[in-house]
Protein backbone atom coordinates (compact mmCIF):
# COMPACT_ATOMS: atom_id res chain seq x y z
CA MET A 1 -21.49 -35.23 18.48
CA LYS A 2 -19.62 -33.93 15.43
CA PHE A 3 -21.17 -31.31 13.07
CA PRO A 4 -20.25 -31.30 9.37
CA PHE A 5 -18.07 -28.23 8.35
CA LEU A 6 -20.90 -26.98 6.01
CA THR A 7 -23.33 -26.85 9.02
CA ILE A 8 -21.07 -24.88 11.14
CA PHE A 9 -20.32 -22.46 8.21
CA ILE A 10 -23.93 -21.86 7.64
CA PHE A 11 -24.48 -21.24 11.30
CA LEU A 12 -21.70 -18.64 11.59
CA THR A 13 -22.82 -17.13 8.28
CA SER A 14 -26.33 -16.65 9.68
CA ILE A 15 -25.16 -15.09 12.83
CA LEU A 16 -22.98 -12.52 10.99
CA GLN A 17 -25.88 -11.61 8.68
CA LEU A 18 -28.12 -11.37 11.86
CA SER A 19 -25.77 -9.10 13.52
CA ALA A 20 -25.16 -7.11 10.41
CA GLN A 21 -29.03 -6.35 10.31
CA LYS A 22 -28.92 -4.64 13.80
CA ASP A 23 -29.07 -0.94 14.03
CA THR A 24 -25.61 0.05 15.27
CA THR A 25 -26.44 3.62 15.66
CA LYS A 26 -28.35 2.92 18.80
CA THR A 27 -26.52 2.65 22.17
CA GLY A 28 -27.27 -0.08 24.62
CA PHE A 29 -29.36 -2.07 22.12
CA MET A 30 -27.23 -5.34 22.58
CA ASP A 31 -28.13 -8.28 24.93
CA GLN A 32 -25.61 -10.50 26.25
CA ALA A 33 -26.62 -13.35 23.75
CA MET A 34 -25.31 -10.96 20.96
CA VAL A 35 -21.82 -10.46 22.24
CA THR A 36 -20.22 -13.48 20.88
CA PRO A 37 -21.62 -13.20 17.35
CA ARG A 38 -20.75 -9.45 17.34
CA MET A 39 -17.13 -10.39 18.39
CA ILE A 40 -17.06 -12.74 15.39
CA ALA A 41 -18.37 -9.96 13.10
CA ALA A 42 -15.68 -7.54 14.41
CA ARG A 43 -12.91 -9.91 13.85
CA HIS A 44 -14.24 -10.61 10.33
CA GLU A 45 -14.13 -6.84 9.60
CA PHE A 46 -10.66 -6.50 11.03
CA ASN A 47 -9.64 -9.40 8.73
CA GLU A 48 -11.14 -7.56 5.75
CA ASN A 49 -8.92 -4.65 6.77
CA ASN A 50 -11.92 -2.51 7.76
CA MET A 51 -10.53 -1.01 10.85
CA ARG A 52 -13.09 1.54 11.42
CA GLY A 53 -15.97 -0.98 10.92
CA ALA A 54 -14.16 -3.35 13.40
CA LEU A 55 -13.95 -0.53 15.88
CA LEU A 56 -17.58 0.20 15.71
CA ILE A 57 -18.43 -3.30 16.50
CA TYR A 58 -16.04 -3.56 19.52
CA ARG A 59 -17.36 -0.39 20.94
CA GLU A 60 -20.79 -1.85 20.83
CA VAL A 61 -19.55 -4.95 22.80
CA LEU A 62 -18.01 -2.69 25.39
CA GLU A 63 -21.43 -0.91 25.80
CA ALA A 64 -23.02 -4.31 26.56
CA GLU A 65 -19.97 -5.60 28.48
CA PRO A 66 -17.77 -2.81 29.80
CA ASN A 67 -15.06 -5.19 31.08
CA ASN A 68 -14.74 -7.36 28.09
CA ALA A 69 -10.93 -7.68 27.71
CA ASP A 70 -11.07 -9.39 24.48
CA ALA A 71 -12.96 -6.37 22.86
CA MET A 72 -10.41 -4.01 24.32
CA TYR A 73 -7.62 -5.97 22.87
CA GLY A 74 -9.49 -5.89 19.43
CA ILE A 75 -9.63 -1.99 19.79
CA SER A 76 -6.09 -1.85 20.56
CA GLN A 77 -5.25 -3.85 17.35
CA CYS A 78 -7.44 -1.64 15.30
CA GLN A 79 -6.10 1.52 16.59
CA TYR A 80 -2.51 0.16 15.99
CA ASN A 81 -3.41 -0.57 12.39
CA LEU A 82 -4.77 3.08 12.15
CA LYS A 83 -1.57 4.39 13.49
CA LYS A 84 -3.19 5.63 16.57
CA TYR A 85 -0.56 4.20 18.69
CA ARG A 86 -1.16 5.87 22.05
CA LEU A 87 -4.82 4.75 21.92
CA ALA A 88 -3.47 1.48 21.07
CA LEU A 89 -1.46 1.29 24.28
CA GLU A 90 -4.34 2.67 26.40
CA TYR A 91 -6.68 -0.03 25.36
CA LEU A 92 -4.04 -2.74 25.57
CA ASP A 93 -3.11 -1.61 29.12
CA LYS A 94 -6.86 -1.90 30.10
CA ALA A 95 -7.26 -5.25 28.68
CA ILE A 96 -4.33 -6.69 30.41
CA ALA A 97 -5.45 -5.23 33.78
CA ILE A 98 -8.64 -7.19 33.35
CA LYS A 99 -7.21 -10.49 31.91
CA PRO A 100 -3.42 -10.53 32.43
CA ASN A 101 -2.88 -13.83 30.44
CA LEU A 102 -5.11 -12.47 27.62
CA ASN A 103 -2.93 -13.54 24.61
CA LYS A 104 0.41 -15.50 24.37
CA GLU A 105 1.81 -12.72 21.93
CA THR A 106 0.93 -9.68 24.22
CA GLU A 107 4.62 -8.88 24.95
CA PHE A 108 5.28 -8.96 21.30
CA PHE A 109 2.38 -6.40 20.75
CA TYR A 110 3.55 -4.26 23.69
CA GLY A 111 7.09 -4.25 22.02
CA GLN A 112 5.47 -3.01 18.68
CA ILE A 113 3.50 -0.29 20.43
CA TYR A 114 6.42 0.94 22.62
CA HIS A 115 8.61 0.94 19.39
CA ARG A 116 6.12 3.07 17.54
CA THR A 117 5.66 5.50 20.44
CA ALA A 118 9.58 5.76 20.74
CA GLN A 119 9.57 4.14 24.38
CA LEU A 120 12.58 2.14 23.26
CA ASP A 121 13.75 0.80 26.62
CA LYS A 122 10.28 -0.62 27.22
CA ALA A 123 10.24 -1.99 23.66
CA ILE A 124 13.46 -3.77 23.99
CA ILE A 125 12.39 -5.31 27.29
CA ALA A 126 9.02 -6.42 25.81
CA PHE A 127 10.75 -8.09 22.77
CA GLN A 128 13.33 -9.77 24.89
CA LYS A 129 10.51 -11.23 27.15
CA PHE A 130 8.77 -12.53 24.10
CA MET A 131 11.84 -14.04 22.52
CA GLY A 132 12.44 -15.76 25.90
CA MET A 133 9.08 -17.52 25.59
CA GLU A 134 9.08 -18.14 21.83
CA ASN A 135 10.46 -20.86 19.66
CA PRO A 136 13.42 -19.42 17.81
CA ASN A 137 12.36 -21.13 14.53
CA THR A 138 9.18 -19.14 14.19
CA TYR A 139 8.51 -16.15 11.99
CA GLU A 140 7.44 -14.11 14.94
CA TYR A 141 10.75 -14.65 16.63
CA GLU A 142 12.61 -13.59 13.51
CA LEU A 143 10.51 -10.52 13.38
CA ALA A 144 11.11 -9.74 17.03
CA THR A 145 14.85 -9.96 16.30
CA GLU A 146 14.53 -7.54 13.58
CA TYR A 147 12.38 -5.13 15.61
CA LEU A 148 14.84 -5.42 18.60
CA ALA A 149 17.76 -4.23 16.23
CA GLN A 150 15.61 -1.37 14.97
CA CYS A 151 14.96 -0.19 18.53
CA ARG A 152 18.62 -0.20 19.42
CA TYR A 153 19.47 1.60 16.12
CA ALA A 154 16.96 4.11 16.93
CA GLN A 155 18.42 4.93 20.41
CA GLU A 156 21.84 5.37 18.84
CA MET A 157 20.35 7.67 16.17
CA MET A 158 18.17 9.63 18.56
CA ALA A 159 21.33 10.20 20.78
CA HIS A 160 22.97 12.01 17.87
CA PRO A 161 20.29 14.13 16.07
CA VAL A 162 21.14 16.01 12.93
CA ASP A 163 20.89 19.70 12.59
CA VAL A 164 17.57 20.54 10.95
CA THR A 165 14.35 22.34 11.71
CA ILE A 166 10.96 20.74 11.03
CA SER A 167 7.70 22.58 10.67
CA ASN A 168 4.20 21.22 9.62
CA LEU A 169 2.98 22.97 6.40
CA GLY A 170 -0.40 23.71 8.10
CA ASN A 171 -4.00 23.04 7.65
CA LEU A 172 -4.12 24.98 4.30
CA ILE A 173 -2.18 22.02 2.78
CA ASN A 174 -2.73 19.10 5.25
CA SER A 175 -5.99 17.54 6.24
CA ARG A 176 -7.13 15.07 8.90
CA TYR A 177 -6.78 12.38 6.25
CA ASP A 178 -3.60 10.92 4.80
CA ASP A 179 -1.36 13.44 2.78
CA TYR A 180 1.82 12.40 1.15
CA THR A 181 4.12 12.21 -1.92
CA PRO A 182 5.07 15.90 -1.87
CA SER A 183 6.72 17.09 -5.16
CA ILE A 184 7.99 20.63 -5.67
CA THR A 185 8.58 22.43 -8.78
CA SER A 186 12.22 23.60 -9.62
CA ASP A 187 11.26 27.13 -9.08
CA GLY A 188 9.85 26.31 -5.65
CA LYS A 189 6.53 28.05 -6.41
CA MET A 190 4.13 25.13 -6.54
CA ILE A 191 3.95 21.73 -4.66
CA VAL A 192 1.71 18.88 -5.86
CA PHE A 193 0.76 15.86 -3.54
CA THR A 194 -1.50 12.94 -2.91
CA SER A 195 -4.32 12.93 -0.31
CA ARG A 196 -7.11 10.67 0.46
CA ARG A 197 -9.47 13.25 1.93
CA ASN A 198 -13.27 13.14 1.70
CA ASP A 199 -13.57 15.57 -1.17
CA THR A 200 -11.65 13.37 -3.81
CA LYS A 201 -13.44 13.04 -7.15
CA GLY A 202 -16.51 10.86 -6.73
CA GLY A 203 -16.03 10.88 -2.87
CA ARG A 204 -15.86 6.97 -3.06
CA ILE A 205 -14.35 4.65 -0.41
CA ASP A 206 -12.27 1.61 -1.37
CA GLU A 207 -14.46 -1.14 0.03
CA GLN A 208 -12.26 -3.66 -1.62
CA GLY A 209 -9.12 -2.48 0.04
CA ASP A 210 -8.61 -0.57 3.17
CA TYR A 211 -11.85 1.33 3.49
CA LYS A 212 -10.37 4.83 2.99
CA TYR A 213 -11.29 7.46 0.34
CA PHE A 214 -9.55 6.86 -3.06
CA GLU A 215 -6.50 9.14 -3.78
CA ASP A 216 -6.64 12.41 -5.74
CA ILE A 217 -3.91 14.91 -6.56
CA TYR A 218 -3.81 18.38 -5.05
CA TYR A 219 -1.67 21.35 -5.33
CA SER A 220 -0.76 24.57 -3.62
CA GLU A 221 1.07 27.64 -4.66
CA LEU A 222 3.47 29.76 -2.92
CA ASP A 223 2.63 33.37 -2.09
CA GLU A 224 6.01 35.01 -2.79
CA SER A 225 5.10 38.21 -1.02
CA THR A 226 4.29 36.31 2.37
CA GLY A 227 6.45 33.13 1.90
CA GLU A 228 3.27 31.15 2.80
CA TRP A 229 1.58 28.32 0.79
CA GLY A 230 -1.95 28.98 -0.27
CA GLN A 231 -5.13 26.70 0.24
CA SER A 232 -4.69 23.32 -1.59
CA SER A 233 -7.07 22.23 -4.01
CA ALA A 234 -7.53 19.36 -6.44
CA VAL A 235 -5.55 19.82 -9.77
CA GLU A 236 -7.75 21.03 -12.62
CA GLY A 237 -8.35 18.97 -15.82
CA GLU A 238 -8.83 15.31 -16.51
CA LEU A 239 -6.22 13.90 -14.39
CA ASN A 240 -8.14 12.95 -11.22
CA THR A 241 -10.63 10.05 -11.59
CA GLU A 242 -12.97 8.21 -9.08
CA THR A 243 -10.41 5.64 -8.29
CA TYR A 244 -6.60 5.82 -7.51
CA ASP A 245 -4.65 8.86 -8.77
CA ALA A 246 -1.36 9.57 -7.07
CA VAL A 247 1.46 11.96 -8.01
CA LEU A 248 5.00 10.38 -8.07
CA SER A 249 7.00 13.25 -9.10
CA ILE A 250 6.57 16.44 -11.17
CA PHE A 251 8.91 16.80 -14.18
CA PRO A 252 11.90 19.13 -13.56
CA SER A 253 10.56 21.49 -16.20
CA GLY A 254 7.10 21.59 -14.31
CA ASN A 255 5.13 20.89 -17.61
CA GLY A 256 4.21 17.42 -16.49
CA MET A 257 4.11 14.91 -13.82
CA TYR A 258 4.36 11.27 -13.24
CA VAL A 259 1.40 9.62 -11.60
CA TYR A 260 0.61 6.20 -10.05
CA LYS A 261 -2.88 4.53 -11.17
CA ASN A 262 -4.29 1.21 -9.91
CA THR A 263 -7.39 0.10 -11.86
CA VAL A 264 -9.31 -3.26 -12.04
CA ASN A 265 -6.94 -4.22 -15.01
CA THR A 266 -3.62 -3.47 -13.43
CA THR A 267 -1.60 -4.23 -10.37
CA GLY A 268 -0.32 -0.56 -10.27
CA ASP A 269 1.49 1.21 -13.14
CA ILE A 270 3.24 4.41 -13.93
CA PHE A 271 1.42 7.04 -16.05
CA TYR A 272 2.31 10.63 -17.00
CA SER A 273 0.11 13.84 -17.47
CA GLU A 274 1.02 16.91 -19.30
CA TYR A 275 0.21 20.50 -18.22
CA ARG A 276 -1.73 22.60 -20.61
CA PRO A 277 -0.77 26.34 -19.73
CA THR A 278 -3.48 27.90 -21.98
CA LYS A 279 -6.21 26.10 -20.15
CA LYS A 280 -4.38 25.89 -16.81
CA GLU A 281 -5.24 22.18 -16.56
CA TRP A 282 -3.59 18.59 -16.62
CA SER A 283 -4.31 16.11 -19.18
CA ALA A 284 -5.71 12.53 -18.55
CA ALA A 285 -3.12 10.30 -17.51
CA GLU A 286 -1.23 8.02 -20.23
CA LYS A 287 0.43 4.87 -19.30
CA MET A 288 4.26 4.55 -19.75
CA PRO A 289 5.09 1.82 -22.32
CA ARG A 290 7.08 -1.30 -21.93
CA PRO A 291 9.49 -2.03 -20.58
CA ILE A 292 8.95 0.47 -17.89
CA ASN A 293 5.56 -0.93 -16.87
CA THR A 294 5.05 -4.77 -16.59
CA SER A 295 2.41 -7.04 -15.37
CA TYR A 296 3.89 -6.49 -11.88
CA PHE A 297 3.70 -3.47 -9.51
CA GLU A 298 5.55 -0.36 -10.68
CA GLY A 299 5.48 2.82 -8.54
CA SER A 300 7.60 5.79 -7.80
CA ILE A 301 9.65 7.37 -10.57
CA SER A 302 12.16 10.41 -10.73
CA MET A 303 13.69 11.93 -13.81
CA THR A 304 17.03 13.47 -14.14
CA SER A 305 17.13 17.23 -14.99
CA ASP A 306 17.92 16.66 -18.55
CA GLY A 307 14.81 14.35 -18.98
CA ASN A 308 17.04 11.52 -20.45
CA THR A 309 17.17 9.15 -17.34
CA ILE A 310 14.62 7.78 -15.15
CA TYR A 311 14.82 5.91 -11.84
CA PHE A 312 11.85 4.03 -10.68
CA ILE A 313 10.51 1.14 -8.53
CA SER A 314 9.33 -2.16 -9.68
CA GLU A 315 8.44 -5.55 -8.19
CA ARG A 316 9.33 -7.53 -11.28
CA PRO A 317 10.63 -10.90 -10.36
CA GLU A 318 14.37 -10.53 -11.43
CA GLY A 319 14.75 -8.07 -8.54
CA GLN A 320 16.62 -8.46 -5.16
CA GLY A 321 13.48 -8.61 -3.29
CA GLN A 322 10.05 -6.96 -3.11
CA GLY A 323 10.21 -3.46 -4.83
CA ASP A 324 13.68 -2.60 -6.21
CA ILE A 325 15.09 0.50 -7.96
CA TYR A 326 15.77 0.40 -11.59
CA VAL A 327 17.28 2.81 -14.13
CA SER A 328 16.35 3.28 -17.78
CA THR A 329 17.53 5.83 -20.42
CA LYS A 330 15.58 7.51 -23.12
CA LYS A 331 15.70 6.01 -26.70
CA GLY A 332 14.46 8.19 -29.42
CA ASP A 333 11.38 10.40 -28.80
CA SER A 334 9.26 7.98 -26.80
CA GLY A 335 11.13 4.74 -26.03
CA TRP A 336 13.13 3.73 -22.99
CA SER A 337 16.06 1.28 -22.66
CA HIS A 338 15.57 -2.05 -20.85
CA PRO A 339 15.69 -1.28 -17.18
CA LYS A 340 18.79 -2.01 -15.11
CA ASN A 341 18.62 -3.10 -11.54
CA LEU A 342 20.84 -0.79 -9.26
CA GLY A 343 22.18 -3.89 -7.62
CA GLU A 344 22.64 -5.28 -4.15
CA PHE A 345 24.25 -2.45 -2.49
CA VAL A 346 21.20 -0.34 -3.03
CA ASN A 347 18.43 -2.69 -3.28
CA THR A 348 17.66 -5.33 -0.52
CA GLU A 349 15.76 -8.59 0.01
CA GLN A 350 12.86 -6.42 1.50
CA ASP A 351 11.36 -3.32 -0.03
CA GLU A 352 12.65 -0.14 -1.54
CA LYS A 353 9.66 2.15 -1.87
CA PHE A 354 10.35 5.63 -3.14
CA VAL A 355 13.16 7.14 -5.21
CA PHE A 356 14.41 10.71 -5.87
CA ILE A 357 17.34 11.66 -8.12
CA HIS A 358 19.17 14.84 -7.47
CA PRO A 359 19.52 17.29 -10.34
CA ASN A 360 23.26 16.45 -10.36
CA GLY A 361 22.40 13.10 -11.85
CA LYS A 362 24.57 11.12 -9.48
CA THR A 363 23.17 11.39 -6.02
CA LEU A 364 20.19 9.16 -5.32
CA TYR A 365 17.74 9.45 -2.31
CA PHE A 366 15.27 6.51 -1.65
CA SER A 367 13.12 4.99 1.08
CA SER A 368 13.61 1.34 2.21
CA ASN A 369 12.64 -1.13 5.04
CA GLY A 370 15.51 -3.39 3.99
CA HIS A 371 18.50 -1.32 5.17
CA GLN A 372 19.02 -0.64 8.84
CA THR A 373 16.16 1.57 9.87
CA MET A 374 14.74 3.11 13.05
CA GLY A 375 11.48 1.29 12.17
CA SER A 376 9.40 0.80 9.16
CA TYR A 377 10.77 2.86 6.22
CA ASP A 378 13.54 5.33 6.41
CA ILE A 379 15.22 7.60 3.84
CA PHE A 380 18.75 6.97 2.61
CA LYS A 381 21.30 8.60 0.41
CA THR A 382 23.68 6.92 -2.02
CA GLU A 383 26.01 8.23 -4.68
CA MET A 384 27.59 7.02 -7.92
CA VAL A 385 31.31 6.82 -7.64
CA ASN A 386 33.62 5.41 -10.33
CA GLY A 387 30.60 3.71 -11.94
CA GLU A 388 29.49 2.14 -8.70
CA TRP A 389 26.73 2.96 -6.24
CA SER A 390 27.85 3.78 -2.75
CA VAL A 391 26.73 2.24 0.54
CA PRO A 392 23.47 4.09 1.44
CA ILE A 393 23.63 6.36 4.36
CA ASN A 394 20.53 6.76 6.77
CA LEU A 395 19.56 10.43 6.80
CA GLY A 396 19.39 10.26 10.63
CA TYR A 397 17.07 11.52 13.30
CA PRO A 398 14.68 13.61 13.55
CA ILE A 399 14.22 13.34 9.54
CA ASN A 400 13.86 9.50 10.14
CA THR A 401 11.93 8.30 13.15
CA VAL A 402 10.57 4.96 14.56
CA ASN A 403 7.60 5.25 12.07
CA GLU A 404 7.43 5.46 8.29
CA GLU A 405 9.23 8.11 6.37
CA SER A 406 8.83 7.28 2.68
CA THR A 407 7.92 10.11 0.33
CA PHE A 408 9.86 13.34 -0.10
CA SER A 409 11.20 15.91 -2.45
CA LEU A 410 14.49 18.04 -2.16
CA THR A 411 14.25 21.50 -3.46
CA GLN A 412 16.71 22.62 -6.19
CA ASP A 413 18.84 24.79 -3.85
CA ASN A 414 19.23 21.84 -1.44
CA LYS A 415 18.03 23.71 1.46
CA THR A 416 14.53 22.27 1.94
CA LEU A 417 13.11 18.74 2.22
CA MET A 418 9.57 18.42 1.75
CA ILE A 419 8.50 15.31 3.36
CA ALA A 420 5.26 13.11 4.36
CA ALA A 421 5.58 11.91 7.91
CA GLU A 422 3.77 10.70 10.96
CA TYR A 423 5.37 13.24 13.41
CA ASP A 424 3.76 14.03 16.64
CA ASP A 425 2.10 17.28 15.65
CA SER A 426 0.24 15.84 12.42
CA PHE A 427 -3.40 16.73 11.87
CA GLY A 428 -4.39 13.06 11.18
CA GLU A 429 -2.51 10.34 9.48
CA ARG A 430 0.65 11.48 7.48
CA ASP A 431 1.08 15.25 7.02
CA ILE A 432 3.43 17.15 4.75
CA TYR A 433 6.28 19.01 6.42
CA HIS A 434 8.91 21.51 5.62
CA ILE A 435 12.41 20.45 6.77
CA ASP A 436 15.16 23.25 6.68
CA VAL A 437 18.23 21.20 6.04
CA SER A 438 20.58 24.33 5.12
CA LYS A 439 22.66 23.38 8.08
CA TYR A 440 22.86 19.72 7.45
CA LYS A 441 25.93 19.21 5.09
CA MET A 442 25.01 15.82 4.02
CA LEU A 443 22.04 17.22 2.37
CA ALA A 444 22.87 20.87 1.70
CA GLU A 445 26.45 20.49 0.39
CA GLY A 446 28.72 18.12 -1.53
CA TYR A 447 26.81 17.81 -4.78
CA GLU A 448 29.77 19.20 -6.95
CA ASN A 449 32.40 17.08 -5.31
CA SER A 450 31.87 13.56 -4.18
CA THR A 451 31.26 12.93 -0.49
CA TYR A 452 32.16 9.20 -1.07
CA GLY A 453 35.40 7.43 -1.60
CA GLN A 454 35.90 4.03 -3.20
CA LEU A 455 37.73 1.10 -1.43
CA LEU A 456 39.32 -1.16 -4.12
CA LEU A 457 40.22 -4.31 -2.11
CA THR A 458 42.16 -7.30 -3.50
CA CYS A 459 42.75 -10.51 -1.73
CA THR A 460 45.64 -12.79 -2.49
CA ASP A 461 47.43 -15.96 -1.07
CA ALA A 462 51.00 -16.21 0.12
CA GLY A 463 52.03 -16.89 -3.53
CA GLY A 464 50.46 -13.73 -4.81
CA SER A 465 47.46 -15.48 -6.54
CA MET A 466 43.99 -13.88 -6.33
CA VAL A 467 41.59 -15.41 -4.02
CA LYS A 468 37.95 -15.29 -5.03
CA GLY A 469 34.95 -15.81 -2.68
CA VAL A 470 36.56 -14.15 0.18
CA ASN A 471 33.97 -12.72 2.68
CA VAL A 472 34.51 -9.03 3.41
CA GLU A 473 32.66 -7.15 6.15
CA VAL A 474 32.99 -3.31 6.75
CA TYR A 475 32.47 -1.88 10.28
CA SER A 476 32.84 1.49 11.91
CA ALA A 477 36.30 2.28 13.24
CA SER A 478 35.10 0.94 16.71
CA GLY A 479 34.03 -2.27 15.03
CA LEU A 480 30.68 -2.10 16.76
CA LYS A 481 28.44 -0.92 13.90
CA TYR A 482 28.29 -3.19 10.75
CA ILE A 483 28.28 -1.06 7.48
CA THR A 484 28.24 -3.44 4.58
CA GLY A 485 29.91 -6.46 3.06
CA GLY A 486 30.39 -8.56 0.01
CA LYS A 487 32.61 -11.35 -1.61
CA THR A 488 35.74 -10.93 -3.87
CA ASP A 489 35.01 -11.67 -7.47
CA LYS A 490 36.79 -14.14 -9.73
CA LEU A 491 39.89 -11.77 -9.83
CA GLY A 492 40.08 -11.44 -6.07
CA ARG A 493 38.60 -7.92 -6.12
CA LEU A 494 35.83 -6.12 -4.31
CA LYS A 495 34.89 -2.39 -4.88
CA ILE A 496 32.81 -0.78 -2.06
CA ASN A 497 31.92 3.03 -2.07
CA LEU A 498 32.00 4.43 1.52
CA PRO A 499 31.20 7.74 3.04
CA GLY A 500 34.29 9.85 3.08
CA ASN A 501 36.40 11.31 5.82
CA GLN A 502 35.74 8.31 8.15
CA LYS A 503 37.78 5.31 9.44
CA TYR A 504 36.71 1.82 8.85
CA ARG A 505 37.54 -1.63 10.18
CA ILE A 506 37.73 -4.15 7.39
CA VAL A 507 37.48 -7.95 8.30
CA ALA A 508 38.39 -10.48 5.50
CA ASN A 509 37.51 -14.05 6.05
CA ASP A 510 38.27 -17.07 3.66
CA GLY A 511 36.93 -19.77 5.98
CA ASP A 512 40.23 -20.82 7.36
CA PHE A 513 41.77 -17.52 8.09
CA THR A 514 40.41 -14.09 9.24
CA LYS A 515 42.56 -10.83 8.85
CA THR A 516 41.43 -7.30 10.18
CA GLU A 517 42.54 -3.93 8.63
CA GLU A 518 41.78 -0.28 9.27
CA VAL A 519 41.20 2.24 6.47
CA ASP A 520 41.06 5.95 6.65
CA MET A 521 38.75 7.19 3.78
CA GLN A 522 40.06 10.65 3.53
CA LEU A 523 38.63 12.31 0.45
CA LYS A 524 40.75 14.10 -2.08
CA THR A 525 40.05 17.91 -2.42
CA GLN A 526 39.63 17.27 -6.24
CA GLY A 527 38.69 14.29 -8.30
CA GLU A 528 37.57 10.93 -7.11
CA THR A 529 39.04 9.16 -4.13
CA VAL A 530 40.17 5.56 -4.50
CA ILE A 531 41.95 3.90 -1.70
CA LYS A 532 43.56 0.51 -2.55
CA LEU A 533 43.84 -2.18 0.12
CA ASP A 534 45.71 -5.54 -0.48
CA ILE A 535 44.92 -8.35 2.00
CA VAL A 536 46.85 -11.47 2.09
CA VAL A 537 44.66 -14.21 3.46
CA THR A 538 46.87 -17.15 4.51
CA ASN A 539 48.29 -18.78 7.68
């Protein structure tokens, strides 16, 4: 007999309501008849992004049925989404030990967990097993291919760590909750950051979102006599509210900060707040005008030291992908020029999330999950050379890891990177770390002189005519690592800015003919480095 959809819906809804009325604070209360509806309730909470609520229900089920593999698998998924990856692995192992054929995507999930715990050999094997069973035309297969590339790239980066020293800023700044977006004043005496701890203004939880506390902005001051940071506290004044308030960056002068606010009337916009030194407090946030803010998401912003140029993230539809980096210059006292997209060398089809412009005004740092990463978001560096942005460089391991690194601030002396990360010794979720980069030349040096050179490539046929649309790919000298690529324009030219003092293999292909050249990008001691390469594409 077939039941109408509405009848089934009412039945399931009544079960959920009945289960929700149970006192979940008691242990051992559940009888066998309640296991199935409580499993349905747990999955409902999971789908609503309430991971902690789902966890509580799954644990109730395990009290009634200690060998319920599906509940263990559910706990594993919750712990993964809460970024408790080792607990996720523990419960997944338990579930599979009881029910080996639990889920057809188990190998994919194992690959994800092994990836996040830097067990890269195991992750690669798991993803390969999954891909051997999966239809190559599915989205999951495409994701597994991407994750596999990230794992192999992570192996390469971890085999060649950069020379930095990382230390947690300690529990006077960090909490067991999420702490991120550190921004330090130019004098290095104060750090402001965002936290979702339990003493935020109003103490409210976002029940329409991820069931975490709303954001507030906190600060800490440096004790110059000891060199230690003081106890963090919420910024004084009208800046923090009972909803989302997150610092994006502090003004170079220190007399204001850009903040992010998300209200019922916006999708996320950029605001600013001014510091009132006489009262030692921050003003209520004011919204940045159009054309900076739009009806789409805007977030992350960084201002040049002269205050005349801003770089920011926006998801407006004319971009390359999700969040893109845009630049705008000041017009008059309060207006800003129409934002310009930084283009496809910097922006990708995926997400650029955070941006920081160096005081020299030509070196840009940003986070992205669209360029080659070790996993999730990594931090990259690019530089303006002859009016063009260079190929972004991954900052390397251990700054970047298999997990997310996306919000940061570089001190004015180029010796310290303040970063929010999920390193192994964090107190809870993301913590704020101090990274000594004084020995790492890519971050500590090269701001006066360029660290990039420009390859000016032209393609011609046998008669000397320019050939447009030639596909050009740039690889490392060994030819094993793909760097970047592009197509020649209508004049047969392509300009690519590449990290200097390295050799590259250039492959040009016009469809009928392929030619390979080697380029040595040796930087000049003074001035811009431009290396010309002419390639004749003909049989």
